[in-house]
Structures are given as C-alpha cells and as structure tokens.
PDB file of N, CA and C in Angstrom:
ATOM      1  N   MET A   1     -26.456 -31.363 -10.156  1.00  0.00           N
ATOM      2  CA  MET A   1     -25.678 -31.566 -11.385  1.00  0.00           C
ATOM      3  C   MET A   1     -24.814 -30.275 -11.619  1.00  0.00           C
ATOM      4  N   TYR A   2     -23.543 -30.595 -11.891  1.00  0.00           N
ATOM      5  CA  TYR A   2     -22.619 -29.513 -12.033  1.00  0.00           C
ATOM      6  C   TYR A   2     -22.234 -29.426 -13.591  1.00  0.00           C
ATOM      7  N   TYR A   3     -22.020 -28.260 -14.021  1.00  0.00           N
ATOM      8  CA  TYR A   3     -21.587 -28.157 -15.385  1.00  0.00           C
ATOM      9  C   TYR A   3     -20.237 -27.411 -15.347  1.00  0.00           C
ATOM     10  N   PHE A   4     -19.352 -27.856 -16.223  1.00  0.00           N
ATOM     11  CA  PHE A   4     -18.038 -27.254 -16.124  1.00  0.00           C
ATOM     12  C   PHE A   4     -17.905 -26.611 -17.587  1.00  0.00           C
ATOM     13  N   LEU A   5     -17.518 -25.362 -17.624  1.00  0.00           N
ATOM     14  CA  LEU A   5     -17.191 -24.717 -18.889  1.00  0.00           C
ATOM     15  C   LEU A   5     -15.685 -24.735 -19.147  1.00  0.00           C
ATOM     16  N   PRO A   6     -15.439 -24.971 -20.401  1.00  0.00           N
ATOM     17  CA  PRO A   6     -13.979 -24.950 -20.648  1.00  0.00           C
ATOM     18  C   PRO A   6     -13.397 -23.605 -20.498  1.00  0.00           C
ATOM     19  N   LEU A   7     -12.222 -23.498 -19.806  1.00  0.00           N
ATOM     20  CA  LEU A   7     -11.583 -22.213 -19.670  1.00  0.00           C
ATOM     21  C   LEU A   7     -10.536 -22.092 -20.742  1.00  0.00           C
ATOM     22  N   LYS A   8     -10.552 -20.859 -21.297  1.00  0.00           N
ATOM     23  CA  LYS A   8      -9.490 -20.510 -22.405  1.00  0.00           C
ATOM     24  C   LYS A   8      -8.370 -19.728 -21.603  1.00  0.00           C
ATOM     25  N   ILE A   9      -7.278 -20.218 -21.485  1.00  0.00           N
ATOM     26  CA  ILE A   9      -6.315 -19.410 -20.838  1.00  0.00           C
ATOM     27  C   ILE A   9      -5.216 -18.915 -21.832  1.00  0.00           C
ATOM     28  N   LYS A  10      -5.040 -17.677 -21.824  1.00  0.00           N
ATOM     29  CA  LYS A  10      -4.132 -17.151 -22.737  1.00  0.00           C
ATOM     30  C   LYS A  10      -2.779 -16.659 -22.035  1.00  0.00           C
ATOM     31  N   PHE A  11      -1.793 -17.140 -22.383  1.00  0.00           N
ATOM     32  CA  PHE A  11      -0.498 -16.667 -21.753  1.00  0.00           C
ATOM     33  C   PHE A  11      -0.041 -15.469 -22.455  1.00  0.00           C
ATOM     34  N   MET A  12       0.257 -14.379 -21.617  1.00  0.00           N
ATOM     35  CA  MET A  12       0.677 -13.094 -22.241  1.00  0.00           C
ATOM     36  C   MET A  12       2.148 -13.127 -22.397  1.00  0.00           C
ATOM     37  N   SER A  13       2.579 -12.384 -23.413  1.00  0.00           N
ATOM     38  CA  SER A  13       3.995 -12.198 -23.656  1.00  0.00           C
ATOM     39  C   SER A  13       4.501 -11.009 -22.718  1.00  0.00           C
ATOM     40  N   THR A  14       5.772 -10.909 -22.642  1.00  0.00           N
ATOM     41  CA  THR A  14       6.229  -9.843 -21.701  1.00  0.00           C
ATOM     42  C   THR A  14       5.854  -8.504 -22.203  1.00  0.00           C
ATOM     43  N   HIS A  15       5.653  -8.395 -23.499  1.00  0.00           N
ATOM     44  CA  HIS A  15       5.233  -7.091 -24.101  1.00  0.00           C
ATOM     45  C   HIS A  15       3.717  -6.731 -23.563  1.00  0.00           C
ATOM     46  N   GLU A  16       2.977  -7.620 -23.468  1.00  0.00           N
ATOM     47  CA  GLU A  16       1.482  -7.387 -23.029  1.00  0.00           C
ATOM     48  C   GLU A  16       1.578  -7.125 -21.539  1.00  0.00           C
ATOM     49  N   ASP A  17       2.558  -7.676 -20.781  1.00  0.00           N
ATOM     50  CA  ASP A  17       2.521  -7.405 -19.316  1.00  0.00           C
ATOM     51  C   ASP A  17       2.858  -5.997 -18.995  1.00  0.00           C
ATOM     52  N   GLU A  18       3.622  -5.388 -19.903  1.00  0.00           N
ATOM     53  CA  GLU A  18       3.835  -3.941 -19.617  1.00  0.00           C
ATOM     54  C   GLU A  18       2.753  -3.021 -19.627  1.00  0.00           C
ATOM     55  N   ASN A  19       1.580  -3.474 -20.319  1.00  0.00           N
ATOM     56  CA  ASN A  19       0.474  -2.656 -20.538  1.00  0.00           C
ATOM     57  C   ASN A  19      -0.519  -2.763 -19.335  1.00  0.00           C
ATOM     58  N   ILE A  20      -0.345  -3.803 -18.495  1.00  0.00           N
ATOM     59  CA  ILE A  20      -1.121  -4.111 -17.393  1.00  0.00           C
ATOM     60  C   ILE A  20      -0.745  -3.240 -16.201  1.00  0.00           C
ATOM     61  N   LYS A  21      -1.806  -2.560 -15.547  1.00  0.00           N
ATOM     62  CA  LYS A  21      -1.615  -1.782 -14.370  1.00  0.00           C
ATOM     63  C   LYS A  21      -2.340  -2.463 -13.209  1.00  0.00           C
ATOM     64  N   LYS A  22      -1.896  -2.062 -11.973  1.00  0.00           N
ATOM     65  CA  LYS A  22      -2.536  -2.509 -10.857  1.00  0.00           C
ATOM     66  C   LYS A  22      -3.851  -1.653 -10.803  1.00  0.00           C
ATOM     67  N   LEU A  23      -5.003  -2.253 -10.317  1.00  0.00           N
ATOM     68  CA  LEU A  23      -6.209  -1.633 -10.163  1.00  0.00           C
ATOM     69  C   LEU A  23      -6.095  -0.394  -9.311  1.00  0.00           C
ATOM     70  N   SER A  24      -5.343  -0.413  -8.155  1.00  0.00           N
ATOM     71  CA  SER A  24      -5.181   0.731  -7.222  1.00  0.00           C
ATOM     72  C   SER A  24      -4.562   1.860  -8.057  1.00  0.00           C
ATOM     73  N   ASP A  25      -3.514   1.598  -8.974  1.00  0.00           N
ATOM     74  CA  ASP A  25      -2.986   2.593  -9.747  1.00  0.00           C
ATOM     75  C   ASP A  25      -3.964   3.278 -10.697  1.00  0.00           C
ATOM     76  N   VAL A  26      -4.713   2.444 -11.318  1.00  0.00           N
ATOM     77  CA  VAL A  26      -5.695   2.916 -12.308  1.00  0.00           C
ATOM     78  C   VAL A  26      -6.759   3.805 -11.478  1.00  0.00           C
ATOM     79  N   PHE A  27      -7.163   3.248 -10.294  1.00  0.00           N
ATOM     80  CA  PHE A  27      -8.228   4.153  -9.488  1.00  0.00           C
ATOM     81  C   PHE A  27      -7.595   5.441  -9.039  1.00  0.00           C
ATOM     82  N   ASN A  28      -6.344   5.517  -8.575  1.00  0.00           N
ATOM     83  CA  ASN A  28      -5.690   6.658  -8.156  1.00  0.00           C
ATOM     84  C   ASN A  28      -5.578   7.599  -9.308  1.00  0.00           C
ATOM     85  N   GLU A  29      -5.190   7.136 -10.489  1.00  0.00           N
ATOM     86  CA  GLU A  29      -5.013   7.963 -11.607  1.00  0.00           C
ATOM     87  C   GLU A  29      -6.361   8.560 -12.031  1.00  0.00           C
ATOM     88  N   LEU A  30      -7.423   7.882 -12.011  1.00  0.00           N
ATOM     89  CA  LEU A  30      -8.788   8.197 -12.293  1.00  0.00           C
ATOM     90  C   LEU A  30      -9.194   9.441 -11.360  1.00  0.00           C
ATOM     91  N   LEU A  31      -8.995   9.202 -10.049  1.00  0.00           N
ATOM     92  CA  LEU A  31      -9.263  10.148  -8.991  1.00  0.00           C
ATOM     93  C   LEU A  31      -8.557  11.566  -9.257  1.00  0.00           C
ATOM     94  N   HIS A  32      -7.200  11.289  -9.592  1.00  0.00           N
ATOM     95  CA  HIS A  32      -6.392  12.554  -9.864  1.00  0.00           C
ATOM     96  C   HIS A  32      -6.921  13.188 -11.059  1.00  0.00           C
ATOM     97  N   ASN A  33      -7.124  12.460 -12.162  1.00  0.00           N
ATOM     98  CA  ASN A  33      -7.573  13.133 -13.416  1.00  0.00           C
ATOM     99  C   ASN A  33      -8.958  13.841 -13.280  1.00  0.00           C
ATOM    100  N   GLU A  34      -9.797  13.349 -12.468  1.00  0.00           N
ATOM    101  CA  GLU A  34     -11.079  13.892 -12.252  1.00  0.00           C
ATOM    102  C   GLU A  34     -11.160  14.968 -11.124  1.00  0.00           C
ATOM    103  N   GLY A  35     -10.029  15.282 -10.587  1.00  0.00           N
ATOM    104  CA  GLY A  35     -10.013  16.274  -9.567  1.00  0.00           C
ATOM    105  C   GLY A  35     -10.491  15.862  -8.211  1.00  0.00           C
ATOM    106  N   LEU A  36     -10.690  14.615  -8.069  1.00  0.00           N
ATOM    107  CA  LEU A  36     -11.409  14.066  -6.786  1.00  0.00           C
ATOM    108  C   LEU A  36     -10.329  13.748  -5.722  1.00  0.00           C
ATOM    109  N   HIS A  37      -9.092  13.465  -6.083  1.00  0.00           N
ATOM    110  CA  HIS A  37      -8.133  13.073  -5.007  1.00  0.00           C
ATOM    111  C   HIS A  37      -8.032  14.153  -3.966  1.00  0.00           C
ATOM    112  N   ASP A  38      -7.927  15.399  -4.348  1.00  0.00           N
ATOM    113  CA  ASP A  38      -7.777  16.454  -3.406  1.00  0.00           C
ATOM    114  C   ASP A  38      -9.018  16.608  -2.523  1.00  0.00           C
ATOM    115  N   LYS A  39     -10.168  16.468  -3.049  1.00  0.00           N
ATOM    116  CA  LYS A  39     -11.385  16.525  -2.308  1.00  0.00           C
ATOM    117  C   LYS A  39     -11.516  15.454  -1.326  1.00  0.00           C
ATOM    118  N   ILE A  40     -11.083  14.300  -1.628  1.00  0.00           N
ATOM    119  CA  ILE A  40     -11.183  12.985  -0.846  1.00  0.00           C
ATOM    120  C   ILE A  40     -10.185  13.179   0.347  1.00  0.00           C
ATOM    121  N   ARG A  41      -9.041  13.604   0.120  1.00  0.00           N
ATOM    122  CA  ARG A  41      -8.069  13.833   1.169  1.00  0.00           C
ATOM    123  C   ARG A  41      -8.541  14.894   2.171  1.00  0.00           C
ATOM    124  N   LYS A  42      -9.129  15.900   1.617  1.00  0.00           N
ATOM    125  CA  LYS A  42      -9.524  17.068   2.519  1.00  0.00           C
ATOM    126  C   LYS A  42     -10.768  16.509   3.390  1.00  0.00           C
ATOM    127  N   ALA A  43     -11.609  15.825   2.730  1.00  0.00           N
ATOM    128  CA  ALA A  43     -12.784  15.136   3.535  1.00  0.00           C
ATOM    129  C   ALA A  43     -12.262  14.176   4.538  1.00  0.00           C
ATOM    130  N   LYS A  44     -11.197  13.502   4.305  1.00  0.00           N
ATOM    131  CA  LYS A  44     -10.615  12.575   5.150  1.00  0.00           C
ATOM    132  C   LYS A  44     -10.024  13.324   6.482  1.00  0.00           C
ATOM    133  N   VAL A  45      -9.480  14.410   6.179  1.00  0.00           N
ATOM    134  CA  VAL A  45      -8.902  15.221   7.356  1.00  0.00           C
ATOM    135  C   VAL A  45      -9.993  15.642   8.292  1.00  0.00           C
ATOM    136  N   ILE A  46     -10.905  16.147   7.706  1.00  0.00           N
ATOM    137  CA  ILE A  46     -12.200  16.677   8.461  1.00  0.00           C
ATOM    138  C   ILE A  46     -12.805  15.529   9.183  1.00  0.00           C
ATOM    139  N   SER A  47     -12.931  14.468   8.589  1.00  0.00           N
ATOM    140  CA  SER A  47     -13.536  13.209   9.236  1.00  0.00           C
ATOM    141  C   SER A  47     -12.702  12.674  10.447  1.00  0.00           C
ATOM    142  N   LEU A  48     -11.310  12.856  10.339  1.00  0.00           N
ATOM    143  CA  LEU A  48     -10.367  12.385  11.359  1.00  0.00           C
ATOM    144  C   LEU A  48     -10.154  13.483  12.476  1.00  0.00           C
ATOM    145  N   TRP A  49     -10.671  14.688  12.329  1.00  0.00           N
ATOM    146  CA  TRP A  49     -10.442  15.710  13.286  1.00  0.00           C
ATOM    147  C   TRP A  49     -10.682  15.359  14.642  1.00  0.00           C
ATOM    148  N   ALA A  50     -11.764  14.668  15.018  1.00  0.00           N
ATOM    149  CA  ALA A  50     -11.972  14.307  16.359  1.00  0.00           C
ATOM    150  C   ALA A  50     -10.973  13.285  16.911  1.00  0.00           C
ATOM    151  N   ASP A  51     -10.597  12.405  16.058  1.00  0.00           N
ATOM    152  CA  ASP A  51      -9.547  11.397  16.470  1.00  0.00           C
ATOM    153  C   ASP A  51      -8.221  12.037  16.758  1.00  0.00           C
ATOM    154  N   ILE A  52      -7.909  13.077  15.962  1.00  0.00           N
ATOM    155  CA  ILE A  52      -6.640  13.772  16.105  1.00  0.00           C
ATOM    156  C   ILE A  52      -6.519  14.641  17.282  1.00  0.00           C
ATOM    157  N   VAL A  53      -7.503  15.406  17.500  1.00  0.00           N
ATOM    158  CA  VAL A  53      -7.484  16.421  18.502  1.00  0.00           C
ATOM    159  C   VAL A  53      -8.043  16.119  19.817  1.00  0.00           C
ATOM    160  N   GLY A  54      -8.943  15.099  19.875  1.00  0.00           N
ATOM    161  CA  GLY A  54      -9.589  14.681  20.953  1.00  0.00           C
ATOM    162  C   GLY A  54     -10.976  15.310  21.230  1.00  0.00           C
ATOM    163  N   PRO A  55     -11.701  14.707  22.260  1.00  0.00           N
ATOM    164  CA  PRO A  55     -13.067  15.272  22.348  1.00  0.00           C
ATOM    165  C   PRO A  55     -13.215  16.789  22.890  1.00  0.00           C
ATOM    166  N   HIS A  56     -12.360  17.174  23.758  1.00  0.00           N
ATOM    167  CA  HIS A  56     -12.455  18.520  24.300  1.00  0.00           C
ATOM    168  C   HIS A  56     -12.345  19.567  23.096  1.00  0.00           C
ATOM    169  N   ILE A  57     -11.248  19.428  22.329  1.00  0.00           N
ATOM    170  CA  ILE A  57     -11.140  20.263  21.226  1.00  0.00           C
ATOM    171  C   ILE A  57     -12.198  20.163  20.199  1.00  0.00           C
ATOM    172  N   THR A  58     -12.625  18.996  19.932  1.00  0.00           N
ATOM    173  CA  THR A  58     -13.705  18.618  18.940  1.00  0.00           C
ATOM    174  C   THR A  58     -14.922  19.409  19.369  1.00  0.00           C
ATOM    175  N   LYS A  59     -15.307  19.400  20.710  1.00  0.00           N
ATOM    176  CA  LYS A  59     -16.575  19.986  21.150  1.00  0.00           C
ATOM    177  C   LYS A  59     -16.539  21.518  21.019  1.00  0.00           C
ATOM    178  N   ASN A  60     -15.288  22.131  21.002  1.00  0.00           N
ATOM    179  CA  ASN A  60     -15.124  23.480  21.029  1.00  0.00           C
ATOM    180  C   ASN A  60     -14.711  24.055  19.623  1.00  0.00           C
ATOM    181  N   THR A  61     -14.645  23.286  18.606  1.00  0.00           N
ATOM    182  CA  THR A  61     -14.298  23.697  17.277  1.00  0.00           C
ATOM    183  C   THR A  61     -15.512  23.344  16.328  1.00  0.00           C
ATOM    184  N   PHE A  62     -15.646  24.140  15.285  1.00  0.00           N
ATOM    185  CA  PHE A  62     -16.643  23.942  14.412  1.00  0.00           C
ATOM    186  C   PHE A  62     -16.415  24.469  13.022  1.00  0.00           C
ATOM    187  N   ASN A  63     -17.137  24.123  12.011  1.00  0.00           N
ATOM    188  CA  ASN A  63     -17.183  24.632  10.723  1.00  0.00           C
ATOM    189  C   ASN A  63     -15.751  24.491   9.960  1.00  0.00           C
ATOM    190  N   LEU A  64     -15.319  23.315  10.157  1.00  0.00           N
ATOM    191  CA  LEU A  64     -13.962  23.040   9.418  1.00  0.00           C
ATOM    192  C   LEU A  64     -14.069  22.983   7.989  1.00  0.00           C
ATOM    193  N   ARG A  65     -13.278  23.597   7.263  1.00  0.00           N
ATOM    194  CA  ARG A  65     -13.214  23.684   5.773  1.00  0.00           C
ATOM    195  C   ARG A  65     -11.826  23.983   5.304  1.00  0.00           C
ATOM    196  N   PHE A  66     -11.660  23.818   4.013  1.00  0.00           N
ATOM    197  CA  PHE A  66     -10.314  24.117   3.445  1.00  0.00           C
ATOM    198  C   PHE A  66     -10.514  25.345   2.529  1.00  0.00           C
ATOM    199  N   ASP A  67      -9.424  26.144   2.478  1.00  0.00           N
ATOM    200  CA  ASP A  67      -9.111  27.221   1.460  1.00  0.00           C
ATOM    201  C   ASP A  67      -7.783  26.799   0.866  1.00  0.00           C
ATOM    202  N   ASP A  68      -7.857  26.346  -0.337  1.00  0.00           N
ATOM    203  CA  ASP A  68      -6.706  25.686  -0.943  1.00  0.00           C
ATOM    204  C   ASP A  68      -6.135  24.672  -0.048  1.00  0.00           C
ATOM    205  N   ASN A  69      -4.903  24.656   0.366  1.00  0.00           N
ATOM    206  CA  ASN A  69      -4.309  23.617   1.365  1.00  0.00           C
ATOM    207  C   ASN A  69      -4.184  24.167   2.757  1.00  0.00           C
ATOM    208  N   LYS A  70      -4.983  25.215   3.124  1.00  0.00           N
ATOM    209  CA  LYS A  70      -5.141  25.652   4.383  1.00  0.00           C
ATOM    210  C   LYS A  70      -6.405  25.230   5.142  1.00  0.00           C
ATOM    211  N   LEU A  71      -6.269  24.677   6.242  1.00  0.00           N
ATOM    212  CA  LEU A  71      -7.438  24.119   7.041  1.00  0.00           C
ATOM    213  C   LEU A  71      -7.880  25.373   7.805  1.00  0.00           C
ATOM    214  N   ILE A  72      -9.226  25.674   7.704  1.00  0.00           N
ATOM    215  CA  ILE A  72      -9.833  26.784   8.401  1.00  0.00           C
ATOM    216  C   ILE A  72     -10.752  26.128   9.495  1.00  0.00           C
ATOM    217  N   VAL A  73     -10.401  26.594  10.747  1.00  0.00           N
ATOM    218  CA  VAL A  73     -11.161  25.952  12.017  1.00  0.00           C
ATOM    219  C   VAL A  73     -11.716  27.120  12.790  1.00  0.00           C
ATOM    220  N   HIS A  74     -12.984  27.095  13.109  1.00  0.00           N
ATOM    221  CA  HIS A  74     -13.549  28.057  13.937  1.00  0.00           C
ATOM    222  C   HIS A  74     -13.560  27.565  15.331  1.00  0.00           C
ATOM    223  N   VAL A  75     -13.265  28.437  16.271  1.00  0.00           N
ATOM    224  CA  VAL A  75     -13.032  27.988  17.728  1.00  0.00           C
ATOM    225  C   VAL A  75     -13.980  28.832  18.568  1.00  0.00           C
ATOM    226  N   LYS A  76     -14.583  28.185  19.565  1.00  0.00           N
ATOM    227  CA  LYS A  76     -15.595  28.803  20.509  1.00  0.00           C
ATOM    228  C   LYS A  76     -15.070  29.894  21.428  1.00  0.00           C
ATOM    229  N   SER A  77     -13.747  29.737  21.814  1.00  0.00           N
ATOM    230  CA  SER A  77     -13.337  30.607  22.740  1.00  0.00           C
ATOM    231  C   SER A  77     -11.854  31.271  22.379  1.00  0.00           C
ATOM    232  N   ASP A  78     -11.573  32.337  22.815  1.00  0.00           N
ATOM    233  CA  ASP A  78     -10.219  32.956  22.482  1.00  0.00           C
ATOM    234  C   ASP A  78      -9.165  32.195  23.212  1.00  0.00           C
ATOM    235  N   ALA A  79      -9.389  31.705  24.426  1.00  0.00           N
ATOM    236  CA  ALA A  79      -8.270  30.993  25.099  1.00  0.00           C
ATOM    237  C   ALA A  79      -7.959  29.678  24.377  1.00  0.00           C
ATOM    238  N   LEU A  80      -8.921  29.023  23.881  1.00  0.00           N
ATOM    239  CA  LEU A  80      -8.619  27.714  23.144  1.00  0.00           C
ATOM    240  C   LEU A  80      -7.918  28.124  21.804  1.00  0.00           C
ATOM    241  N   ARG A  81      -8.424  29.181  21.177  1.00  0.00           N
ATOM    242  CA  ARG A  81      -7.830  29.578  19.906  1.00  0.00           C
ATOM    243  C   ARG A  81      -6.311  29.895  20.095  1.00  0.00           C
ATOM    244  N   HIS A  82      -5.874  30.519  21.219  1.00  0.00           N
ATOM    245  CA  HIS A  82      -4.469  30.760  21.436  1.00  0.00           C
ATOM    246  C   HIS A  82      -3.730  29.452  21.735  1.00  0.00           C
ATOM    247  N   GLU A  83      -4.391  28.577  22.480  1.00  0.00           N
ATOM    248  CA  GLU A  83      -3.694  27.325  22.744  1.00  0.00           C
ATOM    249  C   GLU A  83      -3.468  26.584  21.526  1.00  0.00           C
ATOM    250  N   LEU A  84      -4.505  26.454  20.639  1.00  0.00           N
ATOM    251  CA  LEU A  84      -4.335  25.731  19.328  1.00  0.00           C
ATOM    252  C   LEU A  84      -3.374  26.377  18.407  1.00  0.00           C
ATOM    253  N   MET A  85      -3.207  27.662  18.430  1.00  0.00           N
ATOM    254  CA  MET A  85      -2.177  28.321  17.642  1.00  0.00           C
ATOM    255  C   MET A  85      -0.795  27.689  18.080  1.00  0.00           C
ATOM    256  N   PHE A  86      -0.498  27.531  19.375  1.00  0.00           N
ATOM    257  CA  PHE A  86       0.731  26.964  19.812  1.00  0.00           C
ATOM    258  C   PHE A  86       0.937  25.447  19.393  1.00  0.00           C
ATOM    259  N   MET A  87      -0.204  24.766  19.250  1.00  0.00           N
ATOM    260  CA  MET A  87      -0.195  23.398  18.917  1.00  0.00           C
ATOM    261  C   MET A  87      -0.265  23.099  17.361  1.00  0.00           C
ATOM    262  N   LYS A  88      -0.362  24.101  16.616  1.00  0.00           N
ATOM    263  CA  LYS A  88      -0.610  24.080  15.190  1.00  0.00           C
ATOM    264  C   LYS A  88       0.440  23.156  14.468  1.00  0.00           C
ATOM    265  N   THR A  89       1.660  23.244  14.651  1.00  0.00           N
ATOM    266  CA  THR A  89       2.646  22.480  14.084  1.00  0.00           C
ATOM    267  C   THR A  89       2.467  20.972  14.378  1.00  0.00           C
ATOM    268  N   GLN A  90       2.191  20.743  15.633  1.00  0.00           N
ATOM    269  CA  GLN A  90       2.015  19.339  16.164  1.00  0.00           C
ATOM    270  C   GLN A  90       0.706  18.786  15.521  1.00  0.00           C
ATOM    271  N   ILE A  91      -0.420  19.574  15.396  1.00  0.00           N
ATOM    272  CA  ILE A  91      -1.567  19.025  14.783  1.00  0.00           C
ATOM    273  C   ILE A  91      -1.384  18.670  13.387  1.00  0.00           C
ATOM    274  N   ILE A  92      -0.732  19.623  12.620  1.00  0.00           N
ATOM    275  CA  ILE A  92      -0.457  19.323  11.157  1.00  0.00           C
ATOM    276  C   ILE A  92       0.386  18.031  11.070  1.00  0.00           C
ATOM    277  N   HIS A  93       1.320  17.944  11.869  1.00  0.00           N
ATOM    278  CA  HIS A  93       2.170  16.718  11.856  1.00  0.00           C
ATOM    279  C   HIS A  93       1.316  15.438  12.095  1.00  0.00           C
ATOM    280  N   HIS A  94       0.414  15.404  13.089  1.00  0.00           N
ATOM    281  CA  HIS A  94      -0.415  14.293  13.370  1.00  0.00           C
ATOM    282  C   HIS A  94      -1.338  14.016  12.178  1.00  0.00           C
ATOM    283  N   ILE A  95      -1.871  15.009  11.515  1.00  0.00           N
ATOM    284  CA  ILE A  95      -2.809  14.866  10.399  1.00  0.00           C
ATOM    285  C   ILE A  95      -1.995  14.232   9.246  1.00  0.00           C
ATOM    286  N   HIS A  96      -0.807  14.753   9.006  1.00  0.00           N
ATOM    287  CA  HIS A  96      -0.069  14.093   7.907  1.00  0.00           C
ATOM    288  C   HIS A  96       0.254  12.611   8.147  1.00  0.00           C
ATOM    289  N   GLN A  97       0.619  12.355   9.458  1.00  0.00           N
ATOM    290  CA  GLN A  97       0.909  10.884   9.764  1.00  0.00           C
ATOM    291  C   GLN A  97      -0.374  10.075   9.534  1.00  0.00           C
ATOM    292  N   ARG A  98      -1.505  10.513   9.917  1.00  0.00           N
ATOM    293  CA  ARG A  98      -2.794   9.685   9.820  1.00  0.00           C
ATOM    294  C   ARG A  98      -3.136   9.480   8.433  1.00  0.00           C
ATOM    295  N   ILE A  99      -2.946  10.503   7.505  1.00  0.00           N
ATOM    296  CA  ILE A  99      -3.409  10.270   6.205  1.00  0.00           C
ATOM    297  C   ILE A  99      -2.331   9.907   5.222  1.00  0.00           C
ATOM    298  N   LYS A 100      -1.048   9.809   5.762  1.00  0.00           N
ATOM    299  CA  LYS A 100       0.099   9.382   5.087  1.00  0.00           C
ATOM    300  C   LYS A 100       0.419  10.276   3.912  1.00  0.00           C
ATOM    301  N   GLU A 101       0.229  11.521   3.992  1.00  0.00           N
ATOM    302  CA  GLU A 101       0.306  12.500   2.864  1.00  0.00           C
ATOM    303  C   GLU A 101       0.537  13.903   3.548  1.00  0.00           C
ATOM    304  N   GLU A 102       1.456  14.605   2.913  1.00  0.00           N
ATOM    305  CA  GLU A 102       1.763  15.948   3.411  1.00  0.00           C
ATOM    306  C   GLU A 102       1.162  17.007   2.436  1.00  0.00           C
ATOM    307  N   PHE A 103       0.148  17.699   2.796  1.00  0.00           N
ATOM    308  CA  PHE A 103      -0.312  18.709   1.827  1.00  0.00           C
ATOM    309  C   PHE A 103      -0.858  19.966   2.604  1.00  0.00           C
ATOM    310  N   ILE A 104      -1.106  19.852   3.909  1.00  0.00           N
ATOM    311  CA  ILE A 104      -1.638  21.001   4.654  1.00  0.00           C
ATOM    312  C   ILE A 104      -0.575  22.105   4.827  1.00  0.00           C
ATOM    313  N   GLU A 105      -0.679  23.126   4.299  1.00  0.00           N
ATOM    314  CA  GLU A 105       0.270  24.228   4.522  1.00  0.00           C
ATOM    315  C   GLU A 105       0.124  25.033   5.772  1.00  0.00           C
ATOM    316  N   ASP A 106      -1.049  25.092   6.256  1.00  0.00           N
ATOM    317  CA  ASP A 106      -1.364  25.843   7.468  1.00  0.00           C
ATOM    318  C   ASP A 106      -2.684  25.558   7.963  1.00  0.00           C
ATOM    319  N   ILE A 107      -2.875  25.855   9.264  1.00  0.00           N
ATOM    320  CA  ILE A 107      -4.196  25.838   9.988  1.00  0.00           C
ATOM    321  C   ILE A 107      -4.524  27.291  10.534  1.00  0.00           C
ATOM    322  N   LEU A 108      -5.578  27.718  10.077  1.00  0.00           N
ATOM    323  CA  LEU A 108      -5.995  29.141  10.538  1.00  0.00           C
ATOM    324  C   LEU A 108      -7.237  28.973  11.575  1.00  0.00           C
ATOM    325  N   PHE A 109      -7.031  29.489  12.621  1.00  0.00           N
ATOM    326  CA  PHE A 109      -8.014  29.404  13.840  1.00  0.00           C
ATOM    327  C   PHE A 109      -8.758  30.766  13.875  1.00  0.00           C
ATOM    328  N   TYR A 110     -10.111  30.720  13.863  1.00  0.00           N
ATOM    329  CA  TYR A 110     -10.974  31.946  13.936  1.00  0.00           C
ATOM    330  C   TYR A 110     -11.853  31.792  15.099  1.00  0.00           C
TER     331      TYR A 110
END
C-alpha cells in the first residue's frame, strides 16, 4: 500500500532567488572562512606529488611540507637535488595545472 503526501510548492519571487546560493559556493565560502581552504589545497599537492613527479623521484624524496606557500621537499641525494632545482619551474607548472589553482611561490629542495 502506498501513501502519498500532499506537496506544498511555493513559487519564489525573483527577490527571493537572489538570496539563493549554489551549495558549492556555500561550501567554498565556509572552507575559506574557517581557514581550511589553504590546508586542503596543500594536502592535495602533497597527495598528488607521486603522480606529478613519477615513481623515481617519489622514492627519493620525503618529508614534504609547506612553509607558507613554499613547498619544502627533502631529497636523498645531492645529484637529484640539483636535477630537481633545474626542473622546479616545470614541477610548479604541473602542480598548478593539476589542482587548477596557482599558489605555490617556490619549491625548496633540501
């Protein structure tokens, strides 16, 4: 047996439509206001590191973290550190493409 409940539909005026926001906009605003947007995008960069630089570099880098908008990467060998320094601009470009946002100012290799 099915029961149907009457639906009350209210048509909104154009004035009320102006106060309606998309859920994604509200969510992004909440993240920004709570200071979480920056943390989320930095965590996304770290989680995508292996996809961006590949398995060889991933195996030889560790302890990725951020200092403001600078990505800090520890490298196991001096030779790779020098190679990565030459690739820095390209890596930053690939990161920005993947996350669709430009915020990394620099990558520091140690």
